[in-house]
């Protein structure tokens, strides 16, 4: 008898709660999950003048960055420090009235900030070593080694002159880019 009474009381409570929910007409909406951008699997930042800077986390990602995402007009940044990643500063582009894509020149401020990112994401951060990064244009980066030599995964041959950036302080900040 006691279990029957308890079961009837539970059913009555459930019915009452259902009626209250129908009266309130609570609409629950499920928002779709945000689509992840291609650069979110890498280390990345956005400069103060809205250039995208992307760096690899390991040798395989360095390889993928240069082979797949380095475009004409972009800058390749690196530092002569152990553990420095390959970093790409993506150039801005715009469409001309004729329909062609035009590459806009990279700003000096974006290059300095990308160089700072390169140094801070290397082993210089842990050793507190102040040093500088360098950059080259995308056509100067190659995977082909001189005759008789080979390049390991994640390493590249730089042909031509390197443009050294001024030494930068080891400063990084964090910001929230996307709202969930």
N, C-alpha and C. Protein backbone atom coordinates (compact mmCIF):
# COMPACT_ATOMS: atom_id res chain seq x y z
N UNK A 1 0.82 -1.20 0.00
CA UNK A 1 0.00 0.00 0.00
C UNK A 1 0.86 1.26 0.00
N UNK A 2 1.94 1.23 0.79
CA UNK A 2 2.80 2.41 0.89
C UNK A 2 3.46 2.70 -0.46
N UNK A 3 3.90 1.65 -1.16
CA UNK A 3 4.55 1.88 -2.45
C UNK A 3 3.54 2.39 -3.48
N UNK A 4 2.30 1.93 -3.39
CA UNK A 4 1.26 2.42 -4.30
C UNK A 4 0.99 3.90 -4.05
N UNK A 5 0.89 4.28 -2.75
CA UNK A 5 0.67 5.68 -2.41
C UNK A 5 1.83 6.55 -2.90
N UNK A 6 3.06 6.08 -2.72
CA UNK A 6 4.25 6.84 -3.14
C UNK A 6 4.28 7.00 -4.66
N UNK A 7 3.90 5.93 -5.38
CA UNK A 7 3.89 5.98 -6.83
C UNK A 7 2.84 6.98 -7.33
N UNK A 8 1.63 6.98 -6.69
CA UNK A 8 0.58 7.92 -7.10
C UNK A 8 0.99 9.36 -6.79
N UNK A 9 1.68 9.56 -5.66
CA UNK A 9 2.13 10.91 -5.30
C UNK A 9 3.18 11.40 -6.30
N UNK A 10 4.08 10.52 -6.72
CA UNK A 10 5.11 10.89 -7.69
C UNK A 10 4.50 11.21 -9.05
N UNK A 11 3.48 10.44 -9.46
CA UNK A 11 2.79 10.71 -10.73
C UNK A 11 2.07 12.05 -10.67
N UNK A 12 1.43 12.33 -9.55
CA UNK A 12 0.72 13.60 -9.40
C UNK A 12 1.69 14.77 -9.46
N UNK A 13 2.85 14.64 -8.81
CA UNK A 13 3.86 15.70 -8.84
C UNK A 13 4.39 15.90 -10.25
N UNK A 14 4.63 14.83 -10.97
CA UNK A 14 5.12 14.92 -12.35
C UNK A 14 4.09 15.60 -13.24
N UNK A 15 2.80 15.24 -13.07
CA UNK A 15 1.74 15.86 -13.87
C UNK A 15 1.66 17.37 -13.57
N UNK A 16 1.77 17.74 -12.29
CA UNK A 16 1.70 19.14 -11.90
C UNK A 16 2.86 19.92 -12.52
N UNK A 17 4.07 19.32 -12.50
CA UNK A 17 5.23 19.99 -13.08
C UNK A 17 5.09 20.14 -14.60
N UNK A 18 4.52 19.13 -15.25
CA UNK A 18 4.28 19.23 -16.69
C UNK A 18 3.29 20.34 -17.01
N UNK A 19 2.24 20.47 -16.24
CA UNK A 19 1.25 21.53 -16.45
C UNK A 19 1.88 22.90 -16.26
N UNK A 20 2.71 23.04 -15.23
CA UNK A 20 3.37 24.33 -15.00
C UNK A 20 4.30 24.68 -16.14
N UNK A 21 5.01 23.70 -16.66
CA UNK A 21 5.92 23.94 -17.78
C UNK A 21 5.15 24.34 -19.03
N UNK A 22 3.99 23.73 -19.25
CA UNK A 22 3.16 24.09 -20.42
C UNK A 22 2.63 25.50 -20.29
N UNK A 23 2.29 25.89 -19.07
CA UNK A 23 1.77 27.25 -18.85
C UNK A 23 2.87 28.29 -19.09
N UNK A 24 4.07 27.98 -18.65
CA UNK A 24 5.17 28.93 -18.82
C UNK A 24 5.64 28.98 -20.28
N UNK A 25 5.43 27.92 -21.01
CA UNK A 25 5.85 27.79 -22.41
C UNK A 25 7.32 28.19 -22.58
N UNK A 26 8.16 27.54 -21.83
CA UNK A 26 9.58 27.80 -21.91
C UNK A 26 10.11 27.23 -23.21
N UNK A 27 10.69 28.11 -23.99
CA UNK A 27 11.27 27.68 -25.26
C UNK A 27 12.78 27.51 -25.07
N UNK A 28 13.23 26.32 -25.29
CA UNK A 28 14.67 26.09 -25.20
C UNK A 28 15.20 25.98 -26.62
N UNK A 29 16.19 26.78 -26.90
CA UNK A 29 16.80 26.74 -28.22
C UNK A 29 18.23 26.23 -28.08
N UNK A 30 18.60 25.41 -28.98
CA UNK A 30 19.95 24.88 -29.00
C UNK A 30 20.72 25.65 -30.07
N UNK A 31 21.75 26.36 -29.64
CA UNK A 31 22.54 27.11 -30.61
C UNK A 31 23.59 26.19 -31.22
N UNK A 32 23.79 26.28 -32.50
CA UNK A 32 24.77 25.41 -33.14
C UNK A 32 26.19 25.74 -32.66
N UNK A 33 27.03 24.73 -32.63
CA UNK A 33 28.41 24.93 -32.20
C UNK A 33 29.14 25.78 -33.24
N UNK A 34 29.97 26.70 -32.75
CA UNK A 34 30.71 27.58 -33.64
C UNK A 34 31.68 26.77 -34.49
N UNK A 35 31.75 27.10 -35.78
CA UNK A 35 32.67 26.42 -36.69
C UNK A 35 34.09 26.91 -36.39
N UNK A 36 35.00 25.98 -36.23
CA UNK A 36 36.37 26.33 -35.90
C UNK A 36 37.10 26.82 -37.15
N UNK A 37 37.87 27.91 -37.01
CA UNK A 37 38.65 28.44 -38.12
C UNK A 37 39.87 27.56 -38.37
N UNK A 38 40.42 27.63 -39.58
CA UNK A 38 41.54 26.77 -39.95
C UNK A 38 42.78 27.05 -39.11
N UNK A 39 42.97 28.27 -38.65
CA UNK A 39 44.19 28.61 -37.93
C UNK A 39 44.14 28.30 -36.44
N UNK A 40 43.01 27.84 -35.93
CA UNK A 40 42.89 27.60 -34.50
C UNK A 40 43.63 26.35 -34.02
N UNK A 41 44.07 25.50 -34.94
CA UNK A 41 44.85 24.33 -34.52
C UNK A 41 46.33 24.68 -34.35
N UNK A 42 46.72 25.89 -34.76
CA UNK A 42 48.09 26.37 -34.62
C UNK A 42 48.15 27.39 -33.47
N UNK A 43 49.37 27.83 -33.11
CA UNK A 43 49.51 29.01 -32.28
C UNK A 43 49.23 30.20 -33.19
N UNK A 44 48.39 31.12 -32.73
CA UNK A 44 48.06 32.24 -33.60
C UNK A 44 47.81 33.50 -32.78
N UNK A 45 47.86 34.62 -33.45
CA UNK A 45 47.51 35.91 -32.85
C UNK A 45 47.05 36.83 -33.96
N UNK A 46 46.41 37.91 -33.56
CA UNK A 46 46.01 38.94 -34.50
C UNK A 46 46.70 40.22 -34.06
N UNK A 47 47.41 40.86 -34.97
CA UNK A 47 48.17 42.05 -34.63
C UNK A 47 47.23 43.22 -34.38
N UNK A 48 47.79 44.31 -33.89
CA UNK A 48 46.97 45.47 -33.57
C UNK A 48 46.37 46.12 -34.82
N UNK A 49 46.96 45.87 -35.98
CA UNK A 49 46.35 46.37 -37.22
C UNK A 49 45.73 45.25 -38.04
N UNK A 50 45.24 44.22 -37.35
CA UNK A 50 44.41 43.14 -37.91
C UNK A 50 45.09 42.26 -38.95
N UNK A 51 46.35 41.94 -38.77
CA UNK A 51 47.00 40.93 -39.59
C UNK A 51 46.98 39.62 -38.80
N UNK A 52 46.82 38.52 -39.49
CA UNK A 52 46.83 37.21 -38.86
C UNK A 52 48.25 36.66 -38.84
N UNK A 53 48.69 36.22 -37.67
CA UNK A 53 50.01 35.62 -37.49
C UNK A 53 49.79 34.19 -37.01
N UNK A 54 50.37 33.21 -37.71
CA UNK A 54 50.15 31.80 -37.40
C UNK A 54 51.51 31.13 -37.25
N UNK A 55 51.68 30.36 -36.16
CA UNK A 55 52.93 29.66 -35.90
C UNK A 55 52.68 28.19 -35.60
N UNK A 56 53.60 27.34 -36.00
CA UNK A 56 53.47 25.91 -35.76
C UNK A 56 53.81 25.54 -34.33
N UNK A 57 53.18 24.46 -33.85
CA UNK A 57 53.46 23.95 -32.50
C UNK A 57 54.55 22.89 -32.50
N UNK A 58 54.76 22.23 -33.64
CA UNK A 58 55.79 21.21 -33.76
C UNK A 58 56.28 21.16 -35.21
N UNK A 59 57.20 20.26 -35.49
CA UNK A 59 57.81 20.18 -36.82
C UNK A 59 56.78 19.87 -37.91
N UNK A 60 55.82 19.00 -37.60
CA UNK A 60 54.80 18.64 -38.60
C UNK A 60 53.92 19.86 -38.92
N UNK A 61 53.58 20.62 -37.90
CA UNK A 61 52.76 21.81 -38.16
C UNK A 61 53.56 22.88 -38.91
N UNK A 62 54.86 23.00 -38.62
CA UNK A 62 55.70 23.93 -39.38
C UNK A 62 55.68 23.57 -40.86
N UNK A 63 55.81 22.29 -41.12
CA UNK A 63 55.79 21.79 -42.50
C UNK A 63 54.45 22.10 -43.17
N UNK A 64 53.38 21.84 -42.45
CA UNK A 64 52.04 22.07 -42.99
C UNK A 64 51.80 23.56 -43.24
N UNK A 65 52.25 24.40 -42.33
CA UNK A 65 52.07 25.84 -42.50
C UNK A 65 52.73 26.34 -43.78
N UNK A 66 53.97 25.96 -43.98
CA UNK A 66 54.70 26.48 -45.14
C UNK A 66 54.18 25.88 -46.43
N UNK A 67 53.92 24.59 -46.44
CA UNK A 67 53.47 23.95 -47.68
C UNK A 67 52.05 24.35 -48.07
N UNK A 68 51.16 24.47 -47.10
CA UNK A 68 49.76 24.68 -47.42
C UNK A 68 49.30 26.13 -47.31
N UNK A 69 49.84 26.89 -46.35
CA UNK A 69 49.25 28.19 -46.05
C UNK A 69 50.13 29.39 -46.39
N UNK A 70 51.39 29.20 -46.75
CA UNK A 70 52.25 30.31 -47.13
C UNK A 70 51.94 30.73 -48.56
N UNK A 71 51.46 31.96 -48.73
CA UNK A 71 51.04 32.45 -50.03
C UNK A 71 51.98 33.56 -50.50
N UNK A 72 51.97 33.87 -51.78
CA UNK A 72 52.77 35.01 -52.26
C UNK A 72 52.31 36.29 -51.56
N UNK A 73 53.29 37.09 -51.12
CA UNK A 73 52.98 38.32 -50.40
C UNK A 73 53.05 38.16 -48.90
N UNK A 74 52.98 36.93 -48.39
CA UNK A 74 53.09 36.68 -46.96
C UNK A 74 54.55 36.77 -46.53
N UNK A 75 54.77 36.90 -45.24
CA UNK A 75 56.13 36.91 -44.70
C UNK A 75 56.34 35.65 -43.86
N UNK A 76 57.52 35.07 -43.98
CA UNK A 76 57.93 33.91 -43.18
C UNK A 76 58.88 34.44 -42.12
N UNK A 77 58.55 34.19 -40.84
CA UNK A 77 59.38 34.67 -39.73
C UNK A 77 59.96 33.48 -38.98
N UNK A 78 61.15 33.69 -38.46
CA UNK A 78 61.84 32.66 -37.68
C UNK A 78 62.86 33.36 -36.81
N UNK A 79 63.43 32.64 -35.89
CA UNK A 79 64.49 33.18 -35.04
C UNK A 79 65.60 32.16 -34.94
N UNK A 80 66.83 32.64 -34.76
CA UNK A 80 67.97 31.74 -34.64
C UNK A 80 68.10 31.29 -33.19
N UNK A 81 67.03 30.71 -32.68
CA UNK A 81 66.96 30.22 -31.31
C UNK A 81 66.44 28.79 -31.38
N UNK A 82 66.96 27.93 -30.53
CA UNK A 82 66.48 26.55 -30.50
C UNK A 82 65.00 26.54 -30.13
N UNK A 83 64.22 25.79 -30.85
CA UNK A 83 62.80 25.66 -30.55
C UNK A 83 61.94 26.75 -31.16
N UNK A 84 62.50 27.59 -31.99
CA UNK A 84 61.69 28.63 -32.63
C UNK A 84 60.85 28.00 -33.73
N UNK A 85 59.62 28.40 -33.79
CA UNK A 85 58.68 27.83 -34.76
C UNK A 85 58.72 28.62 -36.07
N UNK A 86 58.22 28.00 -37.11
CA UNK A 86 57.99 28.71 -38.35
C UNK A 86 56.72 29.52 -38.17
N UNK A 87 56.79 30.81 -38.45
CA UNK A 87 55.66 31.71 -38.25
C UNK A 87 55.36 32.40 -39.58
N UNK A 88 54.09 32.52 -39.87
CA UNK A 88 53.66 33.17 -41.11
C UNK A 88 52.84 34.40 -40.75
N UNK A 89 53.19 35.53 -41.35
CA UNK A 89 52.40 36.75 -41.25
C UNK A 89 51.60 36.83 -42.54
N UNK A 90 50.30 36.63 -42.43
CA UNK A 90 49.45 36.60 -43.63
C UNK A 90 49.16 38.01 -44.12
N UNK A 91 49.41 38.24 -45.39
CA UNK A 91 49.17 39.55 -46.00
C UNK A 91 47.68 39.74 -46.26
N UNK A 92 47.25 40.99 -46.19
CA UNK A 92 45.86 41.31 -46.52
C UNK A 92 45.73 41.38 -48.03
N UNK A 93 44.56 41.03 -48.51
CA UNK A 93 44.28 41.05 -49.95
C UNK A 93 42.97 41.77 -50.20
N UNK A 94 42.84 42.32 -51.39
CA UNK A 94 41.57 42.94 -51.78
C UNK A 94 41.34 42.70 -53.26
N UNK A 95 40.10 42.73 -53.63
CA UNK A 95 39.71 42.53 -55.03
C UNK A 95 39.73 43.87 -55.76
N UNK A 96 40.30 43.86 -56.94
CA UNK A 96 40.28 45.05 -57.78
C UNK A 96 38.98 45.04 -58.58
N UNK A 97 38.60 46.17 -59.14
CA UNK A 97 37.36 46.20 -59.95
C UNK A 97 37.38 45.21 -61.12
N UNK A 98 38.57 44.86 -61.59
CA UNK A 98 38.65 43.91 -62.70
C UNK A 98 38.46 42.46 -62.24
N UNK A 99 38.39 42.24 -60.91
CA UNK A 99 38.16 40.90 -60.39
C UNK A 99 39.41 40.18 -59.93
N UNK A 100 40.58 40.79 -60.13
CA UNK A 100 41.83 40.17 -59.69
C UNK A 100 42.06 40.47 -58.21
N UNK A 101 42.87 39.63 -57.57
CA UNK A 101 43.21 39.83 -56.17
C UNK A 101 44.53 40.58 -56.08
N UNK A 102 44.54 41.63 -55.26
CA UNK A 102 45.73 42.45 -55.09
C UNK A 102 46.26 42.26 -53.67
N UNK A 103 47.57 42.03 -53.54
CA UNK A 103 48.20 41.85 -52.23
C UNK A 103 48.60 43.21 -51.70
N UNK A 104 48.17 43.52 -50.48
CA UNK A 104 48.55 44.78 -49.84
C UNK A 104 49.88 44.62 -49.12
N UNK A 105 50.70 45.66 -49.07
CA UNK A 105 52.00 45.52 -48.40
C UNK A 105 51.84 45.32 -46.89
N UNK A 106 52.80 44.61 -46.29
CA UNK A 106 52.78 44.36 -44.85
C UNK A 106 53.25 45.60 -44.10
N UNK A 107 52.65 45.86 -42.96
CA UNK A 107 53.06 47.03 -42.18
C UNK A 107 54.25 46.69 -41.29
N UNK A 108 55.06 47.71 -40.98
CA UNK A 108 56.22 47.51 -40.10
C UNK A 108 55.80 47.10 -38.71
N UNK A 109 54.71 47.66 -38.23
CA UNK A 109 54.22 47.32 -36.90
C UNK A 109 53.80 45.85 -36.83
N UNK A 110 53.14 45.36 -37.86
CA UNK A 110 52.73 43.95 -37.90
C UNK A 110 53.95 43.04 -37.91
N UNK A 111 54.99 43.42 -38.65
CA UNK A 111 56.22 42.62 -38.69
C UNK A 111 56.89 42.58 -37.31
N UNK A 112 56.93 43.73 -36.62
CA UNK A 112 57.53 43.76 -35.27
C UNK A 112 56.74 42.89 -34.29
N UNK A 113 55.41 42.99 -34.34
CA UNK A 113 54.58 42.19 -33.44
C UNK A 113 54.69 40.71 -33.74
N UNK A 114 54.76 40.35 -35.02
CA UNK A 114 54.94 38.95 -35.40
C UNK A 114 56.31 38.44 -34.96
N UNK A 115 57.34 39.29 -35.05
CA UNK A 115 58.66 38.92 -34.57
C UNK A 115 58.67 38.69 -33.07
N UNK A 116 57.95 39.53 -32.34
CA UNK A 116 57.83 39.37 -30.90
C UNK A 116 57.13 38.04 -30.58
N UNK A 117 56.09 37.72 -31.33
CA UNK A 117 55.38 36.45 -31.17
C UNK A 117 56.32 35.28 -31.42
N UNK A 118 57.16 35.39 -32.45
CA UNK A 118 58.10 34.33 -32.79
C UNK A 118 59.07 34.08 -31.65
N UNK A 119 59.61 35.14 -31.07
CA UNK A 119 60.57 35.01 -29.97
C UNK A 119 59.88 34.45 -28.73
N UNK A 120 58.70 34.96 -28.41
CA UNK A 120 58.01 34.52 -27.19
C UNK A 120 57.56 33.07 -27.26
N UNK A 121 57.30 32.54 -28.44
CA UNK A 121 56.88 31.15 -28.57
C UNK A 121 58.06 30.20 -28.74
N UNK A 122 59.29 30.69 -28.60
CA UNK A 122 60.46 29.83 -28.72
C UNK A 122 61.03 29.54 -27.34
N UNK A 123 62.19 28.90 -27.30
CA UNK A 123 62.83 28.59 -26.01
C UNK A 123 63.41 29.84 -25.37
N UNK A 124 63.46 30.96 -26.07
CA UNK A 124 63.93 32.21 -25.48
C UNK A 124 63.03 32.65 -24.33
N UNK A 125 61.78 32.28 -24.38
CA UNK A 125 60.83 32.64 -23.33
C UNK A 125 61.24 32.00 -22.00
N UNK A 126 61.53 30.71 -22.01
CA UNK A 126 61.89 30.00 -20.78
C UNK A 126 63.25 30.45 -20.25
N UNK A 127 64.19 30.73 -21.16
CA UNK A 127 65.52 31.14 -20.72
C UNK A 127 65.64 32.64 -20.50
N UNK A 128 64.55 33.38 -20.74
CA UNK A 128 64.51 34.85 -20.56
C UNK A 128 65.63 35.54 -21.36
N UNK A 129 65.83 35.07 -22.58
CA UNK A 129 66.88 35.60 -23.44
C UNK A 129 66.26 36.61 -24.42
N UNK A 130 66.74 37.83 -24.39
CA UNK A 130 66.25 38.85 -25.31
C UNK A 130 67.04 38.73 -26.60
N UNK A 131 66.35 38.50 -27.68
CA UNK A 131 66.99 38.34 -28.99
C UNK A 131 66.04 38.89 -30.05
N UNK A 132 66.39 38.72 -31.30
CA UNK A 132 65.54 39.24 -32.37
C UNK A 132 65.18 38.13 -33.36
N UNK A 133 64.15 38.38 -34.09
CA UNK A 133 63.70 37.45 -35.13
C UNK A 133 64.06 38.05 -36.49
N UNK A 134 63.87 37.27 -37.52
CA UNK A 134 64.09 37.75 -38.88
C UNK A 134 62.93 37.29 -39.76
N UNK A 135 62.77 37.95 -40.88
CA UNK A 135 61.70 37.59 -41.80
C UNK A 135 62.21 37.62 -43.24
N UNK A 136 61.57 36.81 -44.05
CA UNK A 136 61.84 36.80 -45.49
C UNK A 136 60.50 36.74 -46.21
N UNK A 137 60.54 37.02 -47.48
CA UNK A 137 59.32 36.92 -48.29
C UNK A 137 59.06 35.46 -48.63
N UNK A 138 57.83 35.18 -49.01
CA UNK A 138 57.43 33.78 -49.21
C UNK A 138 58.21 33.07 -50.31
N UNK A 139 58.63 33.79 -51.35
CA UNK A 139 59.33 33.12 -52.44
C UNK A 139 60.77 32.74 -52.07
N UNK A 140 61.27 33.22 -50.92
CA UNK A 140 62.62 32.89 -50.48
C UNK A 140 62.68 31.58 -49.69
N UNK A 141 61.53 31.03 -49.34
CA UNK A 141 61.46 29.81 -48.53
C UNK A 141 61.32 28.62 -49.47
N UNK A 142 62.16 27.61 -49.26
CA UNK A 142 62.16 26.45 -50.14
C UNK A 142 62.39 25.18 -49.32
N UNK A 143 61.90 24.08 -49.82
CA UNK A 143 62.11 22.78 -49.18
C UNK A 143 63.24 22.01 -49.87
N UNK A 144 63.76 22.54 -50.97
CA UNK A 144 64.83 21.83 -51.70
C UNK A 144 66.18 22.21 -51.10
N UNK A 145 66.96 21.21 -50.77
CA UNK A 145 68.28 21.41 -50.17
C UNK A 145 69.35 21.43 -51.25
N UNK A 146 70.53 21.95 -50.91
CA UNK A 146 71.64 21.88 -51.88
C UNK A 146 72.00 20.42 -52.19
N UNK A 147 72.70 20.22 -53.27
CA UNK A 147 73.06 18.87 -53.69
C UNK A 147 73.86 18.16 -52.61
N UNK A 148 73.47 16.93 -52.31
CA UNK A 148 74.17 16.14 -51.32
C UNK A 148 73.69 16.33 -49.90
N UNK A 149 72.75 17.21 -49.69
CA UNK A 149 72.21 17.45 -48.35
C UNK A 149 70.72 17.17 -48.36
N UNK A 150 70.16 17.05 -47.16
CA UNK A 150 68.72 16.88 -47.06
C UNK A 150 68.20 17.72 -45.90
N UNK A 151 66.93 18.04 -45.94
CA UNK A 151 66.29 18.82 -44.88
C UNK A 151 65.34 17.93 -44.11
N UNK A 152 65.39 18.02 -42.80
CA UNK A 152 64.48 17.24 -41.97
C UNK A 152 63.09 17.83 -42.00
N UNK A 153 62.12 17.12 -41.43
CA UNK A 153 60.74 17.59 -41.38
C UNK A 153 60.69 18.85 -40.54
N UNK A 154 60.05 19.88 -41.08
CA UNK A 154 59.89 21.12 -40.33
C UNK A 154 61.00 22.12 -40.54
N UNK A 155 62.02 21.78 -41.33
CA UNK A 155 63.09 22.74 -41.60
C UNK A 155 63.04 23.14 -43.08
N UNK A 156 63.53 24.35 -43.35
CA UNK A 156 63.42 24.92 -44.69
C UNK A 156 64.70 25.63 -45.07
N UNK A 157 64.92 25.77 -46.36
CA UNK A 157 66.08 26.48 -46.89
C UNK A 157 65.65 27.91 -47.21
N UNK A 158 66.42 28.86 -46.73
CA UNK A 158 66.13 30.27 -46.99
C UNK A 158 67.15 30.77 -48.00
N UNK A 159 66.68 31.28 -49.10
CA UNK A 159 67.56 31.79 -50.13
C UNK A 159 67.45 33.32 -50.14
N UNK A 160 68.58 33.98 -50.20
CA UNK A 160 68.57 35.43 -50.24
C UNK A 160 68.82 36.05 -48.88
N UNK A 161 68.54 37.34 -48.80
CA UNK A 161 68.85 38.12 -47.61
C UNK A 161 67.75 38.03 -46.57
N UNK A 162 68.15 37.84 -45.31
CA UNK A 162 67.20 37.86 -44.20
C UNK A 162 67.07 39.29 -43.70
N UNK A 163 65.85 39.68 -43.37
CA UNK A 163 65.58 41.01 -42.83
C UNK A 163 65.43 40.88 -41.32
N UNK A 164 66.43 41.35 -40.58
CA UNK A 164 66.40 41.21 -39.13
C UNK A 164 65.55 42.31 -38.51
N UNK A 165 64.76 41.92 -37.52
CA UNK A 165 63.91 42.86 -36.79
C UNK A 165 64.65 43.31 -35.54
N UNK A 166 64.31 44.47 -34.98
CA UNK A 166 64.97 44.89 -33.74
C UNK A 166 64.65 43.94 -32.60
N UNK A 167 65.56 43.85 -31.63
CA UNK A 167 65.34 42.98 -30.47
C UNK A 167 64.08 43.43 -29.74
N UNK A 168 63.30 42.47 -29.30
CA UNK A 168 62.03 42.80 -28.66
C UNK A 168 62.00 42.24 -27.25
N UNK A 169 61.19 42.87 -26.41
CA UNK A 169 61.03 42.38 -25.05
C UNK A 169 60.16 41.14 -25.06
N UNK A 170 60.35 40.31 -24.06
CA UNK A 170 59.56 39.09 -23.95
C UNK A 170 58.26 39.42 -23.24
N UNK A 171 57.31 39.92 -23.98
CA UNK A 171 56.00 40.28 -23.45
C UNK A 171 54.91 39.66 -24.29
N UNK A 172 53.98 39.00 -23.62
CA UNK A 172 52.82 38.44 -24.28
C UNK A 172 51.60 38.77 -23.46
N UNK A 173 50.48 38.90 -24.11
CA UNK A 173 49.21 39.11 -23.44
C UNK A 173 48.21 38.09 -23.92
N UNK A 174 47.06 38.07 -23.32
CA UNK A 174 46.03 37.15 -23.75
C UNK A 174 44.72 37.91 -23.85
N UNK A 175 43.93 37.54 -24.78
CA UNK A 175 42.63 38.17 -24.97
C UNK A 175 41.61 37.16 -25.42
N UNK A 176 40.35 37.46 -25.20
CA UNK A 176 39.26 36.59 -25.63
C UNK A 176 38.82 37.06 -27.00
N UNK A 177 38.92 36.15 -27.96
CA UNK A 177 38.59 36.51 -29.33
C UNK A 177 37.17 36.11 -29.69
N UNK A 178 36.71 34.98 -29.18
CA UNK A 178 35.39 34.46 -29.54
C UNK A 178 34.55 34.33 -28.29
N UNK A 179 33.28 34.60 -28.41
CA UNK A 179 32.34 34.45 -27.32
C UNK A 179 31.58 33.15 -27.53
N UNK A 180 31.46 32.36 -26.49
CA UNK A 180 30.72 31.10 -26.58
C UNK A 180 29.27 31.31 -26.17
